[in-house]
Amino acid sequence: MKKYVLFCLFCLLPAALGADISGCTCNGKPLYGRVQVVEHFADFKVQVVTSFPDLRVQKVPAFADSCGKWQMVDSFADFTIQYVDAFPDFTIQFVDAFPG
């Protein structure tokens, strides 16, 4: 019984420690602007999903100035992300309209 309880706590711990993205910010950083994809040491770990995302993201060529609008860049980013398959800080879904 103790092993089962410890296992359940271990499984729920990442969800409990997950980043809160209310107000379109995460850890004090706005979730819009210039975004760079990196392999290591990212500001946020994100998982791309097809339904029930934490944030709907629209890739834009310029003027990424509102919630969920991301301009993908190679340098001088506002924040960096790393794509992961498990234990993300938050989940995203790429959309063509109505980000946020």
N, C-alpha and C. Protein backbone atom coordinates (compact mmCIF):
# COMPACT_ATOMS: atom_id res chain seq x y z
N MET A 1 0.83 -1.20 0.00
CA MET A 1 0.00 0.00 0.00
C MET A 1 0.87 1.26 0.00
N LYS A 2 1.97 1.26 0.78
CA LYS A 2 2.84 2.42 0.84
C LYS A 2 3.48 2.69 -0.52
N LYS A 3 3.86 1.63 -1.21
CA LYS A 3 4.48 1.80 -2.52
C LYS A 3 3.50 2.44 -3.49
N TYR A 4 2.24 2.05 -3.43
CA TYR A 4 1.22 2.59 -4.31
C TYR A 4 1.02 4.09 -4.04
N VAL A 5 0.97 4.46 -2.78
CA VAL A 5 0.80 5.86 -2.41
C VAL A 5 1.99 6.69 -2.86
N LEU A 6 3.20 6.19 -2.65
CA LEU A 6 4.39 6.91 -3.09
C LEU A 6 4.43 7.04 -4.61
N PHE A 7 4.02 5.98 -5.31
CA PHE A 7 3.99 6.02 -6.76
C PHE A 7 2.99 7.07 -7.25
N CYS A 8 1.82 7.14 -6.63
CA CYS A 8 0.81 8.13 -7.01
C CYS A 8 1.31 9.55 -6.76
N LEU A 9 1.97 9.76 -5.63
CA LEU A 9 2.52 11.08 -5.33
C LEU A 9 3.60 11.46 -6.33
N PHE A 10 4.43 10.50 -6.70
CA PHE A 10 5.49 10.76 -7.67
C PHE A 10 4.90 11.12 -9.04
N CYS A 11 3.80 10.47 -9.42
CA CYS A 11 3.17 10.76 -10.70
C CYS A 11 2.49 12.12 -10.72
N LEU A 12 1.94 12.54 -9.61
CA LEU A 12 1.22 13.81 -9.54
C LEU A 12 2.12 14.99 -9.26
N LEU A 13 3.33 14.77 -8.80
CA LEU A 13 4.22 15.86 -8.43
C LEU A 13 4.52 16.81 -9.58
N PRO A 14 4.86 16.35 -10.79
CA PRO A 14 5.12 17.29 -11.88
C PRO A 14 3.91 18.17 -12.20
N ALA A 15 2.70 17.60 -12.14
CA ALA A 15 1.50 18.39 -12.40
C ALA A 15 1.31 19.46 -11.33
N ALA A 16 1.61 19.12 -10.10
CA ALA A 16 1.46 20.08 -9.01
C ALA A 16 2.49 21.19 -9.10
N LEU A 17 3.67 20.89 -9.62
CA LEU A 17 4.72 21.89 -9.73
C LEU A 17 4.70 22.62 -11.07
N GLY A 18 3.76 22.27 -11.94
CA GLY A 18 3.69 22.86 -13.27
C GLY A 18 3.49 24.37 -13.20
N ALA A 19 3.89 25.03 -14.26
CA ALA A 19 3.81 26.48 -14.31
C ALA A 19 2.37 26.93 -14.48
N ASP A 20 2.02 28.01 -13.83
CA ASP A 20 0.70 28.61 -13.95
C ASP A 20 0.75 29.62 -15.08
N ILE A 21 -0.08 29.45 -16.10
CA ILE A 21 -0.02 30.36 -17.24
C ILE A 21 -1.23 31.29 -17.28
N SER A 22 -1.83 31.54 -16.13
CA SER A 22 -2.95 32.47 -16.09
C SER A 22 -2.45 33.88 -16.39
N GLY A 23 -3.27 34.65 -17.08
CA GLY A 23 -2.87 36.00 -17.43
C GLY A 23 -1.84 36.03 -18.55
N CYS A 24 -1.68 34.92 -19.24
CA CYS A 24 -0.74 34.80 -20.37
C CYS A 24 0.70 35.09 -19.95
N THR A 25 1.04 34.72 -18.73
CA THR A 25 2.42 34.79 -18.27
C THR A 25 2.77 33.46 -17.61
N CYS A 26 4.05 33.18 -17.59
CA CYS A 26 4.54 31.99 -16.91
C CYS A 26 5.84 32.37 -16.23
N ASN A 27 5.88 32.21 -14.94
CA ASN A 27 7.04 32.59 -14.15
C ASN A 27 7.43 34.05 -14.39
N GLY A 28 6.44 34.90 -14.58
CA GLY A 28 6.68 36.33 -14.77
C GLY A 28 7.02 36.75 -16.17
N LYS A 29 7.10 35.80 -17.11
CA LYS A 29 7.43 36.14 -18.50
C LYS A 29 6.15 36.07 -19.34
N PRO A 30 5.90 37.08 -20.16
CA PRO A 30 4.73 37.03 -21.04
C PRO A 30 4.89 35.94 -22.10
N LEU A 31 3.81 35.26 -22.42
CA LEU A 31 3.85 34.16 -23.37
C LEU A 31 3.49 34.63 -24.78
N TYR A 32 4.14 35.69 -25.20
CA TYR A 32 4.03 36.18 -26.56
C TYR A 32 5.33 36.90 -26.89
N GLY A 33 5.59 37.07 -28.18
CA GLY A 33 6.80 37.76 -28.58
C GLY A 33 7.71 36.88 -29.41
N ARG A 34 8.99 37.20 -29.35
CA ARG A 34 10.00 36.50 -30.14
C ARG A 34 10.45 35.24 -29.39
N VAL A 35 10.34 34.09 -30.06
CA VAL A 35 10.58 32.80 -29.41
C VAL A 35 11.66 32.03 -30.17
N GLN A 36 12.60 31.47 -29.43
CA GLN A 36 13.65 30.66 -30.03
C GLN A 36 13.55 29.23 -29.50
N VAL A 37 13.62 28.26 -30.40
CA VAL A 37 13.61 26.85 -30.02
C VAL A 37 15.05 26.42 -29.77
N VAL A 38 15.30 25.84 -28.60
CA VAL A 38 16.64 25.37 -28.24
C VAL A 38 16.56 23.91 -27.80
N GLU A 39 17.71 23.26 -27.74
CA GLU A 39 17.77 21.86 -27.33
C GLU A 39 17.98 21.69 -25.83
N HIS A 40 18.62 22.67 -25.19
CA HIS A 40 18.94 22.56 -23.76
C HIS A 40 18.78 23.93 -23.09
N PHE A 41 18.55 23.91 -21.80
CA PHE A 41 18.51 25.11 -20.96
C PHE A 41 17.48 26.13 -21.44
N ALA A 42 16.30 25.66 -21.79
CA ALA A 42 15.23 26.55 -22.24
C ALA A 42 14.55 27.20 -21.05
N ASP A 43 13.92 28.35 -21.31
CA ASP A 43 13.11 28.99 -20.28
C ASP A 43 11.90 28.12 -19.95
N PHE A 44 11.30 27.51 -20.98
CA PHE A 44 10.10 26.68 -20.80
C PHE A 44 10.22 25.41 -21.61
N LYS A 45 9.73 24.32 -21.03
CA LYS A 45 9.59 23.05 -21.75
C LYS A 45 8.13 22.95 -22.15
N VAL A 46 7.88 22.77 -23.45
CA VAL A 46 6.51 22.71 -23.94
C VAL A 46 6.27 21.41 -24.69
N GLN A 47 5.04 20.97 -24.62
CA GLN A 47 4.62 19.78 -25.35
C GLN A 47 3.52 20.19 -26.31
N VAL A 48 3.66 19.82 -27.57
CA VAL A 48 2.65 20.13 -28.58
C VAL A 48 1.57 19.06 -28.52
N VAL A 49 0.31 19.50 -28.38
CA VAL A 49 -0.83 18.59 -28.32
C VAL A 49 -1.85 18.99 -29.38
N THR A 50 -2.80 18.12 -29.64
CA THR A 50 -3.83 18.42 -30.63
C THR A 50 -5.16 18.80 -30.01
N SER A 51 -5.30 18.62 -28.70
CA SER A 51 -6.54 19.01 -28.04
C SER A 51 -6.27 19.36 -26.58
N PHE A 52 -7.10 20.22 -26.04
CA PHE A 52 -7.03 20.67 -24.65
C PHE A 52 -5.66 21.24 -24.26
N PRO A 53 -5.16 22.22 -25.01
CA PRO A 53 -3.86 22.81 -24.66
C PRO A 53 -4.00 23.81 -23.52
N ASP A 54 -2.89 24.11 -22.88
CA ASP A 54 -2.85 25.19 -21.91
C ASP A 54 -2.83 26.54 -22.64
N LEU A 55 -2.20 26.56 -23.83
CA LEU A 55 -2.06 27.79 -24.60
C LEU A 55 -2.18 27.49 -26.09
N ARG A 56 -3.02 28.27 -26.78
CA ARG A 56 -3.14 28.16 -28.23
C ARG A 56 -2.17 29.16 -28.85
N VAL A 57 -1.27 28.68 -29.72
CA VAL A 57 -0.18 29.49 -30.26
C VAL A 57 -0.37 29.69 -31.76
N GLN A 58 -0.24 30.95 -32.18
CA GLN A 58 -0.26 31.29 -33.60
C GLN A 58 1.11 31.81 -33.98
N LYS A 59 1.75 31.17 -34.96
CA LYS A 59 3.04 31.66 -35.45
C LYS A 59 2.77 32.84 -36.38
N VAL A 60 3.43 33.96 -36.11
CA VAL A 60 3.26 35.16 -36.92
C VAL A 60 4.62 35.63 -37.44
N PRO A 61 4.64 36.29 -38.60
CA PRO A 61 5.92 36.77 -39.14
C PRO A 61 6.42 38.03 -38.44
N ALA A 62 5.53 38.79 -37.84
CA ALA A 62 5.90 40.03 -37.14
C ALA A 62 4.76 40.44 -36.21
N PHE A 63 5.02 41.42 -35.38
CA PHE A 63 4.02 41.97 -34.46
C PHE A 63 3.42 40.92 -33.54
N ALA A 64 4.26 40.18 -32.88
CA ALA A 64 3.83 39.20 -31.89
C ALA A 64 3.61 39.92 -30.57
N ASP A 65 2.50 40.65 -30.49
CA ASP A 65 2.28 41.56 -29.36
C ASP A 65 1.03 41.26 -28.54
N SER A 66 0.47 40.06 -28.69
CA SER A 66 -0.66 39.70 -27.85
C SER A 66 -0.58 38.22 -27.49
N CYS A 67 -1.36 37.82 -26.54
CA CYS A 67 -1.29 36.48 -25.94
C CYS A 67 -1.32 35.38 -26.99
N GLY A 68 -0.30 34.52 -26.97
CA GLY A 68 -0.25 33.37 -27.85
C GLY A 68 0.34 33.61 -29.22
N LYS A 69 0.69 34.83 -29.54
CA LYS A 69 1.32 35.10 -30.83
C LYS A 69 2.82 34.98 -30.67
N TRP A 70 3.42 34.08 -31.46
CA TRP A 70 4.85 33.81 -31.37
C TRP A 70 5.51 34.08 -32.71
N GLN A 71 6.58 34.85 -32.67
CA GLN A 71 7.43 35.06 -33.84
C GLN A 71 8.66 34.20 -33.62
N MET A 72 8.84 33.19 -34.44
CA MET A 72 9.95 32.26 -34.28
C MET A 72 11.23 32.91 -34.83
N VAL A 73 12.28 32.95 -34.00
CA VAL A 73 13.54 33.61 -34.37
C VAL A 73 14.71 32.70 -34.03
N ASP A 74 15.89 33.06 -34.56
CA ASP A 74 17.11 32.31 -34.28
C ASP A 74 18.01 33.01 -33.26
N SER A 75 17.72 34.27 -32.97
CA SER A 75 18.51 35.01 -31.98
C SER A 75 17.68 36.17 -31.44
N PHE A 76 18.16 36.74 -30.34
CA PHE A 76 17.52 37.89 -29.69
C PHE A 76 16.06 37.59 -29.33
N ALA A 77 15.84 36.45 -28.71
CA ALA A 77 14.50 36.02 -28.34
C ALA A 77 14.06 36.63 -27.01
N ASP A 78 12.75 36.77 -26.86
CA ASP A 78 12.18 37.19 -25.58
C ASP A 78 12.22 36.02 -24.58
N PHE A 79 12.01 34.81 -25.08
CA PHE A 79 12.16 33.60 -24.26
C PHE A 79 12.45 32.42 -25.17
N THR A 80 12.95 31.34 -24.56
CA THR A 80 13.30 30.14 -25.31
C THR A 80 12.41 28.99 -24.88
N ILE A 81 12.18 28.06 -25.81
CA ILE A 81 11.40 26.86 -25.51
C ILE A 81 12.17 25.63 -25.95
N GLN A 82 11.82 24.53 -25.33
CA GLN A 82 12.33 23.22 -25.71
C GLN A 82 11.13 22.31 -25.86
N TYR A 83 11.02 21.62 -27.00
CA TYR A 83 9.94 20.67 -27.20
C TYR A 83 10.26 19.38 -26.45
N VAL A 84 9.29 18.89 -25.68
CA VAL A 84 9.45 17.65 -24.92
C VAL A 84 8.24 16.76 -25.15
N ASP A 85 8.39 15.48 -24.84
CA ASP A 85 7.30 14.53 -24.96
C ASP A 85 6.63 14.23 -23.63
N ALA A 86 7.30 14.60 -22.53
CA ALA A 86 6.75 14.34 -21.21
C ALA A 86 7.20 15.42 -20.23
N PHE A 87 6.41 15.63 -19.21
CA PHE A 87 6.69 16.57 -18.14
C PHE A 87 6.96 18.00 -18.64
N PRO A 88 6.03 18.56 -19.41
CA PRO A 88 6.21 19.94 -19.88
C PRO A 88 5.85 20.94 -18.79
N ASP A 89 6.32 22.17 -18.97
CA ASP A 89 5.86 23.26 -18.11
C ASP A 89 4.42 23.60 -18.47
N PHE A 90 4.12 23.57 -19.77
CA PHE A 90 2.74 23.73 -20.24
C PHE A 90 2.63 23.14 -21.64
N THR A 91 1.38 22.91 -22.06
CA THR A 91 1.13 22.34 -23.38
C THR A 91 0.65 23.43 -24.32
N ILE A 92 0.97 23.26 -25.62
CA ILE A 92 0.54 24.23 -26.62
C ILE A 92 -0.10 23.50 -27.79
N GLN A 93 -0.92 24.24 -28.51
CA GLN A 93 -1.50 23.76 -29.76
C GLN A 93 -1.31 24.86 -30.78
N PHE A 94 -0.74 24.54 -31.93
CA PHE A 94 -0.55 25.54 -32.97
C PHE A 94 -1.87 25.73 -33.71
N VAL A 95 -2.27 26.99 -33.89
CA VAL A 95 -3.52 27.34 -34.54
C VAL A 95 -3.28 28.39 -35.61
N ASP A 96 -4.24 28.54 -36.52
CA ASP A 96 -4.15 29.56 -37.56
C ASP A 96 -4.86 30.85 -37.16
N ALA A 97 -5.71 30.77 -36.16
CA ALA A 97 -6.46 31.95 -35.71
C ALA A 97 -6.85 31.78 -34.25
N PHE A 98 -7.19 32.88 -33.63
CA PHE A 98 -7.66 32.90 -32.24
C PHE A 98 -6.67 32.28 -31.25
N PRO A 99 -5.46 32.85 -31.17
CA PRO A 99 -4.48 32.38 -30.18
C PRO A 99 -4.87 32.81 -28.77
N GLY A 100 -4.21 32.22 -27.82
CA GLY A 100 -4.43 32.64 -26.43
C GLY A 100 -4.75 31.52 -25.50
